[in-house]
Amino acid sequence: MGCGPGTAVRQARREGAASAIGIDPSDYDFAVFRLTTEISRQTFPIMLDVDNPRFRQGLERLYAIARAIYLRKIGRGGEGFFDFPVYLGASVEAGNTWQQRGDFGWGGARKDLSLFLGLDTPIGPLYLGSGYDQSGNNSFFMFLGRTF
């Protein structure tokens, strides 16, 4: 399940296309879960029990996420190998899952903030940063490659 701009539009189109050809979108989703679970069995020791009713109930919860990211180019880099742009950035995120639609609201959302340094390296973007949540917890992170 994707989150972000256009997700609701893609979901509505997907459901419309599925019903037009007589496929239940949820049944299709679970067929994909079963197939990818079988494929991942070769690598990962933990398997999803996609036929367990609790698994389906968990996926049917209401969820929402919002994210705002700001990047500012602060340098062009150095000579030779280190000749790539450098960015300073921040993100603000809010989201959660709710059991009932009536529980949905800003007050129940978890709010987080991150500050990071981004480098546009020859092997893809590299992000180094720190994240903070509303409870005062923090973490450090490193991403190499595109995020979604």
N, C-alpha and C. Protein backbone atom coordinates (compact mmCIF):
# COMPACT_ATOMS: atom_id res chain seq x y z
N MET A 1 0.84 -1.17 0.00
CA MET A 1 0.00 0.00 0.00
C MET A 1 0.88 1.23 0.00
N GLY A 2 0.66 2.12 -0.94
CA GLY A 2 1.45 3.32 -1.00
C GLY A 2 0.80 4.47 -0.28
N CYS A 3 1.58 5.37 0.20
CA CYS A 3 1.08 6.58 0.83
C CYS A 3 1.69 7.75 0.10
N GLY A 4 0.98 8.83 0.03
CA GLY A 4 1.54 10.01 -0.57
C GLY A 4 0.57 10.64 -1.56
N PRO A 5 1.03 11.69 -2.25
CA PRO A 5 0.16 12.39 -3.17
C PRO A 5 -0.37 11.44 -4.25
N GLY A 6 -1.66 11.48 -4.48
CA GLY A 6 -2.25 10.67 -5.54
C GLY A 6 -2.64 9.27 -5.13
N THR A 7 -2.36 8.87 -3.89
CA THR A 7 -2.66 7.50 -3.47
C THR A 7 -4.14 7.20 -3.57
N ALA A 8 -4.98 8.11 -3.09
CA ALA A 8 -6.42 7.88 -3.13
C ALA A 8 -6.92 7.78 -4.56
N VAL A 9 -6.37 8.59 -5.46
CA VAL A 9 -6.77 8.52 -6.86
C VAL A 9 -6.36 7.19 -7.46
N ARG A 10 -5.12 6.75 -7.22
CA ARG A 10 -4.67 5.45 -7.74
C ARG A 10 -5.52 4.33 -7.19
N GLN A 11 -5.86 4.39 -5.88
CA GLN A 11 -6.67 3.35 -5.27
C GLN A 11 -8.05 3.30 -5.91
N ALA A 12 -8.66 4.45 -6.15
CA ALA A 12 -9.99 4.49 -6.76
C ALA A 12 -9.94 3.95 -8.18
N ARG A 13 -8.91 4.31 -8.95
CA ARG A 13 -8.77 3.79 -10.31
C ARG A 13 -8.57 2.28 -10.30
N ARG A 14 -7.75 1.81 -9.37
CA ARG A 14 -7.46 0.39 -9.26
C ARG A 14 -8.73 -0.39 -8.97
N GLU A 15 -9.53 0.09 -8.00
CA GLU A 15 -10.77 -0.59 -7.66
C GLU A 15 -11.75 -0.54 -8.81
N GLY A 16 -11.82 0.59 -9.52
CA GLY A 16 -12.72 0.71 -10.67
C GLY A 16 -12.32 -0.25 -11.78
N ALA A 17 -11.02 -0.34 -12.06
CA ALA A 17 -10.54 -1.25 -13.10
C ALA A 17 -10.79 -2.69 -12.70
N ALA A 18 -10.57 -3.02 -11.44
CA ALA A 18 -10.77 -4.40 -10.98
C ALA A 18 -12.24 -4.81 -11.10
N SER A 19 -13.15 -3.92 -10.69
CA SER A 19 -14.56 -4.28 -10.77
C SER A 19 -15.02 -4.37 -12.22
N ALA A 20 -14.43 -3.58 -13.11
CA ALA A 20 -14.81 -3.63 -14.53
C ALA A 20 -14.48 -4.98 -15.16
N ILE A 21 -13.43 -5.64 -14.66
CA ILE A 21 -13.08 -6.96 -15.22
C ILE A 21 -13.45 -8.09 -14.29
N GLY A 22 -14.20 -7.77 -13.23
CA GLY A 22 -14.74 -8.81 -12.36
C GLY A 22 -13.77 -9.39 -11.35
N ILE A 23 -12.79 -8.61 -10.90
CA ILE A 23 -11.82 -9.08 -9.90
C ILE A 23 -12.02 -8.28 -8.62
N ASP A 24 -12.06 -8.96 -7.50
CA ASP A 24 -12.13 -8.29 -6.20
C ASP A 24 -10.72 -7.80 -5.86
N PRO A 25 -10.52 -6.48 -5.68
CA PRO A 25 -9.17 -5.97 -5.41
C PRO A 25 -8.52 -6.59 -4.17
N SER A 26 -9.31 -6.88 -3.13
CA SER A 26 -8.74 -7.49 -1.92
C SER A 26 -8.26 -8.91 -2.20
N ASP A 27 -9.04 -9.67 -2.99
CA ASP A 27 -8.60 -11.03 -3.34
C ASP A 27 -7.31 -10.99 -4.14
N TYR A 28 -7.20 -10.03 -5.05
CA TYR A 28 -5.98 -9.88 -5.83
C TYR A 28 -4.80 -9.53 -4.92
N ASP A 29 -5.02 -8.59 -3.97
CA ASP A 29 -3.96 -8.21 -3.03
C ASP A 29 -3.45 -9.43 -2.27
N PHE A 30 -4.38 -10.27 -1.80
CA PHE A 30 -3.97 -11.43 -1.02
C PHE A 30 -3.30 -12.49 -1.88
N ALA A 31 -3.66 -12.58 -3.15
CA ALA A 31 -2.94 -13.48 -4.06
C ALA A 31 -1.49 -13.01 -4.21
N VAL A 32 -1.30 -11.69 -4.30
CA VAL A 32 0.06 -11.13 -4.39
C VAL A 32 0.82 -11.39 -3.09
N PHE A 33 0.16 -11.20 -1.93
CA PHE A 33 0.81 -11.49 -0.65
C PHE A 33 1.26 -12.95 -0.58
N ARG A 34 0.40 -13.88 -1.01
CA ARG A 34 0.76 -15.30 -0.96
C ARG A 34 1.96 -15.59 -1.85
N LEU A 35 1.94 -15.05 -3.07
CA LEU A 35 3.04 -15.29 -4.00
C LEU A 35 4.36 -14.71 -3.49
N THR A 36 4.34 -13.47 -3.01
CA THR A 36 5.58 -12.85 -2.53
C THR A 36 6.07 -13.52 -1.24
N THR A 37 5.13 -14.03 -0.43
CA THR A 37 5.52 -14.76 0.78
C THR A 37 6.26 -16.04 0.40
N GLU A 38 5.76 -16.74 -0.61
CA GLU A 38 6.43 -17.96 -1.07
C GLU A 38 7.82 -17.65 -1.63
N ILE A 39 7.93 -16.58 -2.38
CA ILE A 39 9.22 -16.20 -2.96
C ILE A 39 10.20 -15.81 -1.86
N SER A 40 9.72 -15.03 -0.86
CA SER A 40 10.62 -14.57 0.20
C SER A 40 11.01 -15.69 1.16
N ARG A 41 10.29 -16.80 1.14
CA ARG A 41 10.63 -17.94 2.00
C ARG A 41 12.07 -18.40 1.76
N GLN A 42 12.57 -18.18 0.56
CA GLN A 42 13.92 -18.59 0.20
C GLN A 42 14.98 -17.79 0.95
N THR A 43 14.62 -16.58 1.39
CA THR A 43 15.59 -15.69 2.01
C THR A 43 15.31 -15.37 3.46
N PHE A 44 14.04 -15.16 3.80
CA PHE A 44 13.67 -14.68 5.13
C PHE A 44 13.09 -15.80 5.98
N PRO A 45 13.46 -15.86 7.26
CA PRO A 45 12.97 -16.94 8.13
C PRO A 45 11.55 -16.74 8.63
N ILE A 46 11.04 -15.52 8.58
CA ILE A 46 9.70 -15.24 9.09
C ILE A 46 8.74 -15.11 7.92
N MET A 47 7.63 -15.84 8.01
CA MET A 47 6.64 -15.83 6.94
C MET A 47 5.37 -15.14 7.42
N LEU A 48 4.70 -14.42 6.53
CA LEU A 48 3.41 -13.80 6.86
C LEU A 48 2.31 -14.86 6.76
N ASP A 49 1.47 -14.92 7.75
CA ASP A 49 0.31 -15.83 7.72
C ASP A 49 -0.85 -15.07 7.09
N VAL A 50 -0.83 -14.95 5.76
CA VAL A 50 -1.80 -14.11 5.06
C VAL A 50 -3.21 -14.68 5.10
N ASP A 51 -3.37 -15.95 5.43
CA ASP A 51 -4.71 -16.54 5.51
C ASP A 51 -5.32 -16.41 6.90
N ASN A 52 -4.58 -15.88 7.85
CA ASN A 52 -5.09 -15.65 9.19
C ASN A 52 -6.05 -14.46 9.15
N PRO A 53 -7.27 -14.61 9.66
CA PRO A 53 -8.23 -13.49 9.63
C PRO A 53 -7.72 -12.21 10.31
N ARG A 54 -6.86 -12.36 11.31
CA ARG A 54 -6.32 -11.17 11.98
C ARG A 54 -5.42 -10.37 11.05
N PHE A 55 -4.72 -11.05 10.12
CA PHE A 55 -3.87 -10.36 9.16
C PHE A 55 -4.72 -9.45 8.28
N ARG A 56 -5.82 -9.98 7.75
CA ARG A 56 -6.72 -9.20 6.90
C ARG A 56 -7.33 -8.04 7.68
N GLN A 57 -7.76 -8.29 8.91
CA GLN A 57 -8.34 -7.23 9.72
C GLN A 57 -7.34 -6.11 9.96
N GLY A 58 -6.09 -6.49 10.18
CA GLY A 58 -5.06 -5.47 10.39
C GLY A 58 -4.85 -4.60 9.18
N LEU A 59 -4.96 -5.18 7.98
CA LEU A 59 -4.77 -4.40 6.76
C LEU A 59 -5.96 -3.49 6.47
N GLU A 60 -7.10 -3.81 7.03
CA GLU A 60 -8.29 -3.02 6.76
C GLU A 60 -8.45 -1.83 7.70
N ARG A 61 -7.49 -1.62 8.58
CA ARG A 61 -7.54 -0.46 9.46
C ARG A 61 -7.41 0.81 8.64
N LEU A 62 -7.93 1.87 9.20
CA LEU A 62 -7.80 3.18 8.58
C LEU A 62 -6.40 3.72 8.89
N TYR A 63 -5.69 4.17 7.89
CA TYR A 63 -4.37 4.74 8.13
C TYR A 63 -4.24 6.03 7.34
N ALA A 64 -3.36 6.88 7.80
CA ALA A 64 -3.09 8.14 7.10
C ALA A 64 -1.67 8.57 7.43
N ILE A 65 -1.05 9.21 6.48
CA ILE A 65 0.28 9.77 6.71
C ILE A 65 0.41 11.04 5.86
N ALA A 66 1.08 12.01 6.41
CA ALA A 66 1.38 13.25 5.69
C ALA A 66 2.85 13.55 5.91
N ARG A 67 3.50 14.02 4.88
CA ARG A 67 4.94 14.31 4.98
C ARG A 67 5.26 15.56 4.18
N ALA A 68 6.07 16.42 4.76
CA ALA A 68 6.59 17.59 4.07
C ALA A 68 8.11 17.54 4.19
N ILE A 69 8.79 17.72 3.06
CA ILE A 69 10.26 17.67 3.03
C ILE A 69 10.78 18.94 2.38
N TYR A 70 11.81 19.51 2.98
CA TYR A 70 12.45 20.69 2.43
C TYR A 70 13.94 20.40 2.24
N LEU A 71 14.46 20.68 1.05
CA LEU A 71 15.89 20.52 0.75
C LEU A 71 16.46 21.86 0.30
N ARG A 72 17.67 22.14 0.72
CA ARG A 72 18.37 23.36 0.28
C ARG A 72 19.78 22.96 -0.13
N LYS A 73 20.15 23.28 -1.35
CA LYS A 73 21.51 22.98 -1.83
C LYS A 73 22.48 23.91 -1.12
N ILE A 74 23.48 23.31 -0.43
CA ILE A 74 24.42 24.12 0.34
C ILE A 74 25.84 24.03 -0.19
N GLY A 75 26.07 23.19 -1.19
CA GLY A 75 27.42 23.08 -1.72
C GLY A 75 27.48 22.25 -2.98
N ARG A 76 28.55 22.49 -3.75
CA ARG A 76 28.75 21.74 -4.99
C ARG A 76 29.69 20.57 -4.80
N GLY A 77 30.33 20.48 -3.68
CA GLY A 77 31.29 19.41 -3.46
C GLY A 77 32.70 19.84 -3.80
N GLY A 78 33.61 18.88 -3.75
CA GLY A 78 35.02 19.18 -3.98
C GLY A 78 35.48 18.77 -5.36
N GLU A 79 36.77 18.57 -5.47
CA GLU A 79 37.39 18.22 -6.73
C GLU A 79 37.35 16.70 -6.96
N GLY A 80 37.37 16.28 -8.19
CA GLY A 80 37.51 14.87 -8.55
C GLY A 80 36.36 14.01 -8.06
N PHE A 81 36.70 12.98 -7.29
CA PHE A 81 35.72 12.00 -6.83
C PHE A 81 34.62 12.63 -5.98
N PHE A 82 34.94 13.69 -5.25
CA PHE A 82 33.97 14.31 -4.35
C PHE A 82 33.21 15.46 -5.00
N ASP A 83 33.12 15.48 -6.33
CA ASP A 83 32.44 16.54 -7.04
C ASP A 83 30.95 16.21 -7.20
N PHE A 84 30.19 16.34 -6.11
CA PHE A 84 28.73 16.12 -6.17
C PHE A 84 28.03 17.08 -5.22
N PRO A 85 26.78 17.42 -5.55
CA PRO A 85 26.04 18.40 -4.75
C PRO A 85 25.75 17.91 -3.33
N VAL A 86 25.66 18.86 -2.40
CA VAL A 86 25.36 18.58 -1.00
C VAL A 86 24.12 19.39 -0.61
N TYR A 87 23.20 18.75 0.12
CA TYR A 87 21.94 19.38 0.52
C TYR A 87 21.75 19.28 2.02
N LEU A 88 21.08 20.28 2.58
CA LEU A 88 20.65 20.25 3.97
C LEU A 88 19.13 20.17 3.91
N GLY A 89 18.54 19.32 4.75
CA GLY A 89 17.10 19.16 4.66
C GLY A 89 16.43 18.88 5.98
N ALA A 90 15.12 18.98 5.95
CA ALA A 90 14.29 18.68 7.11
C ALA A 90 12.99 18.07 6.62
N SER A 91 12.40 17.21 7.44
CA SER A 91 11.09 16.66 7.12
C SER A 91 10.22 16.68 8.36
N VAL A 92 8.94 16.83 8.14
CA VAL A 92 7.93 16.77 9.20
C VAL A 92 6.92 15.73 8.74
N GLU A 93 6.59 14.80 9.64
CA GLU A 93 5.65 13.73 9.29
C GLU A 93 4.61 13.59 10.39
N ALA A 94 3.41 13.20 9.99
CA ALA A 94 2.34 12.92 10.95
C ALA A 94 1.53 11.77 10.38
N GLY A 95 1.15 10.82 11.22
CA GLY A 95 0.34 9.71 10.75
C GLY A 95 0.11 8.69 11.85
N ASN A 96 -0.77 7.74 11.55
CA ASN A 96 -1.09 6.68 12.50
C ASN A 96 -2.05 5.71 11.83
N THR A 97 -2.45 4.69 12.56
CA THR A 97 -3.53 3.81 12.14
C THR A 97 -4.61 3.89 13.20
N TRP A 98 -5.85 3.75 12.77
CA TRP A 98 -6.99 3.81 13.68
C TRP A 98 -7.89 2.61 13.43
N GLN A 99 -8.49 2.09 14.50
CA GLN A 99 -9.39 0.94 14.38
C GLN A 99 -10.71 1.33 13.74
N GLN A 100 -11.23 2.50 14.06
CA GLN A 100 -12.53 2.95 13.58
C GLN A 100 -12.38 4.32 12.92
N ARG A 101 -13.19 4.57 11.89
CA ARG A 101 -13.14 5.85 11.19
C ARG A 101 -13.40 7.01 12.15
N GLY A 102 -14.26 6.82 13.14
CA GLY A 102 -14.57 7.87 14.11
C GLY A 102 -13.39 8.25 14.99
N ASP A 103 -12.39 7.36 15.11
CA ASP A 103 -11.20 7.66 15.92
C ASP A 103 -10.20 8.53 15.19
N PHE A 104 -10.35 8.63 13.86
CA PHE A 104 -9.41 9.35 13.02
C PHE A 104 -9.36 10.82 13.43
N GLY A 105 -8.16 11.37 13.56
CA GLY A 105 -8.04 12.79 13.89
C GLY A 105 -6.60 13.20 14.13
N TRP A 106 -6.36 14.48 14.04
CA TRP A 106 -5.02 15.04 14.22
C TRP A 106 -4.48 14.76 15.61
N GLY A 107 -5.35 14.77 16.62
CA GLY A 107 -4.89 14.55 17.99
C GLY A 107 -4.30 13.16 18.21
N GLY A 108 -4.76 12.18 17.46
CA GLY A 108 -4.24 10.82 17.60
C GLY A 108 -3.06 10.51 16.69
N ALA A 109 -2.68 11.46 15.87
CA ALA A 109 -1.57 11.24 14.94
C ALA A 109 -0.23 11.35 15.67
N ARG A 110 0.72 10.53 15.24
CA ARG A 110 2.09 10.64 15.76
C ARG A 110 2.83 11.66 14.91
N LYS A 111 3.54 12.56 15.56
CA LYS A 111 4.26 13.62 14.85
C LYS A 111 5.76 13.42 15.01
N ASP A 112 6.48 13.53 13.90
CA ASP A 112 7.93 13.32 13.89
C ASP A 112 8.62 14.40 13.07
N LEU A 113 9.90 14.58 13.33
CA LEU A 113 10.73 15.56 12.65
C LEU A 113 12.07 14.93 12.37
N SER A 114 12.65 15.24 11.22
CA SER A 114 14.02 14.79 10.96
C SER A 114 14.82 15.93 10.34
N LEU A 115 16.11 15.92 10.62
CA LEU A 115 17.08 16.83 10.03
C LEU A 115 18.14 15.97 9.36
N PHE A 116 18.54 16.31 8.14
CA PHE A 116 19.47 15.44 7.43
C PHE A 116 20.36 16.21 6.47
N LEU A 117 21.44 15.54 6.11
CA LEU A 117 22.38 16.01 5.10
C LEU A 117 22.25 15.05 3.93
N GLY A 118 22.09 15.58 2.74
CA GLY A 118 21.95 14.73 1.56
C GLY A 118 23.07 14.97 0.57
N LEU A 119 23.57 13.90 0.00
CA LEU A 119 24.64 13.97 -0.99
C LEU A 119 24.16 13.26 -2.25
N ASP A 120 24.34 13.88 -3.39
CA ASP A 120 23.96 13.27 -4.66
C ASP A 120 25.19 12.56 -5.23
N THR A 121 25.45 11.33 -4.74
CA THR A 121 26.68 10.60 -5.08
C THR A 121 26.54 9.88 -6.41
N PRO A 122 27.65 9.43 -6.98
CA PRO A 122 27.60 8.68 -8.24
C PRO A 122 26.81 7.36 -8.15
N ILE A 123 26.65 6.80 -6.95
CA ILE A 123 25.90 5.55 -6.82
C ILE A 123 24.48 5.78 -6.29
N GLY A 124 24.04 7.02 -6.24
CA GLY A 124 22.69 7.36 -5.80
C GLY A 124 22.71 8.31 -4.63
N PRO A 125 21.54 8.82 -4.27
CA PRO A 125 21.48 9.76 -3.15
C PRO A 125 21.83 9.11 -1.82
N LEU A 126 22.55 9.83 -0.99
CA LEU A 126 22.94 9.36 0.34
C LEU A 126 22.40 10.37 1.34
N TYR A 127 21.63 9.90 2.32
CA TYR A 127 21.07 10.75 3.36
C TYR A 127 21.62 10.30 4.71
N LEU A 128 22.13 11.24 5.49
CA LEU A 128 22.58 11.01 6.87
C LEU A 128 21.81 11.98 7.74
N GLY A 129 21.17 11.47 8.80
CA GLY A 129 20.40 12.39 9.61
C GLY A 129 19.96 11.83 10.93
N SER A 130 19.11 12.60 11.58
CA SER A 130 18.57 12.23 12.87
C SER A 130 17.08 12.53 12.89
N GLY A 131 16.31 11.62 13.49
CA GLY A 131 14.88 11.81 13.59
C GLY A 131 14.46 11.95 15.04
N TYR A 132 13.40 12.71 15.27
CA TYR A 132 12.90 12.98 16.61
C TYR A 132 11.38 12.79 16.61
N ASP A 133 10.84 12.18 17.66
CA ASP A 133 9.38 12.04 17.74
C ASP A 133 8.82 12.88 18.88
N GLN A 134 7.51 12.92 18.97
CA GLN A 134 6.84 13.79 19.94
C GLN A 134 7.08 13.37 21.38
N SER A 135 7.55 12.14 21.60
CA SER A 135 7.83 11.67 22.97
C SER A 135 9.25 11.97 23.41
N GLY A 136 10.05 12.57 22.53
CA GLY A 136 11.42 12.90 22.88
C GLY A 136 12.43 11.83 22.48
N ASN A 137 11.98 10.76 21.83
CA ASN A 137 12.91 9.73 21.35
C ASN A 137 13.60 10.23 20.08
N ASN A 138 14.81 9.75 19.87
CA ASN A 138 15.50 10.10 18.64
C ASN A 138 16.22 8.90 18.06
N SER A 139 16.56 9.00 16.80
CA SER A 139 17.29 7.94 16.13
C SER A 139 18.17 8.57 15.05
N PHE A 140 19.16 7.83 14.65
CA PHE A 140 20.03 8.26 13.56
C PHE A 140 19.79 7.33 12.38
N PHE A 141 19.94 7.86 11.17
CA PHE A 141 19.67 7.03 10.00
C PHE A 141 20.62 7.35 8.87
N MET A 142 20.72 6.39 7.98
CA MET A 142 21.47 6.52 6.75
C MET A 142 20.68 5.79 5.66
N PHE A 143 20.39 6.46 4.56
CA PHE A 143 19.75 5.85 3.40
C PHE A 143 20.69 6.01 2.22
N LEU A 144 20.83 4.98 1.45
CA LEU A 144 21.57 5.05 0.20
C LEU A 144 20.65 4.56 -0.89
N GLY A 145 20.38 5.40 -1.86
CA GLY A 145 19.46 5.05 -2.94
C GLY A 145 18.16 5.80 -2.80
N ARG A 146 17.31 5.63 -3.77
CA ARG A 146 16.02 6.32 -3.78
C ARG A 146 15.08 5.76 -2.71
N THR A 147 14.32 6.64 -2.07
CA THR A 147 13.31 6.22 -1.10
C THR A 147 11.94 6.41 -1.75
N PHE A 148 10.95 5.79 -1.18
CA PHE A 148 9.60 5.94 -1.73
C PHE A 148 8.62 6.23 -0.64
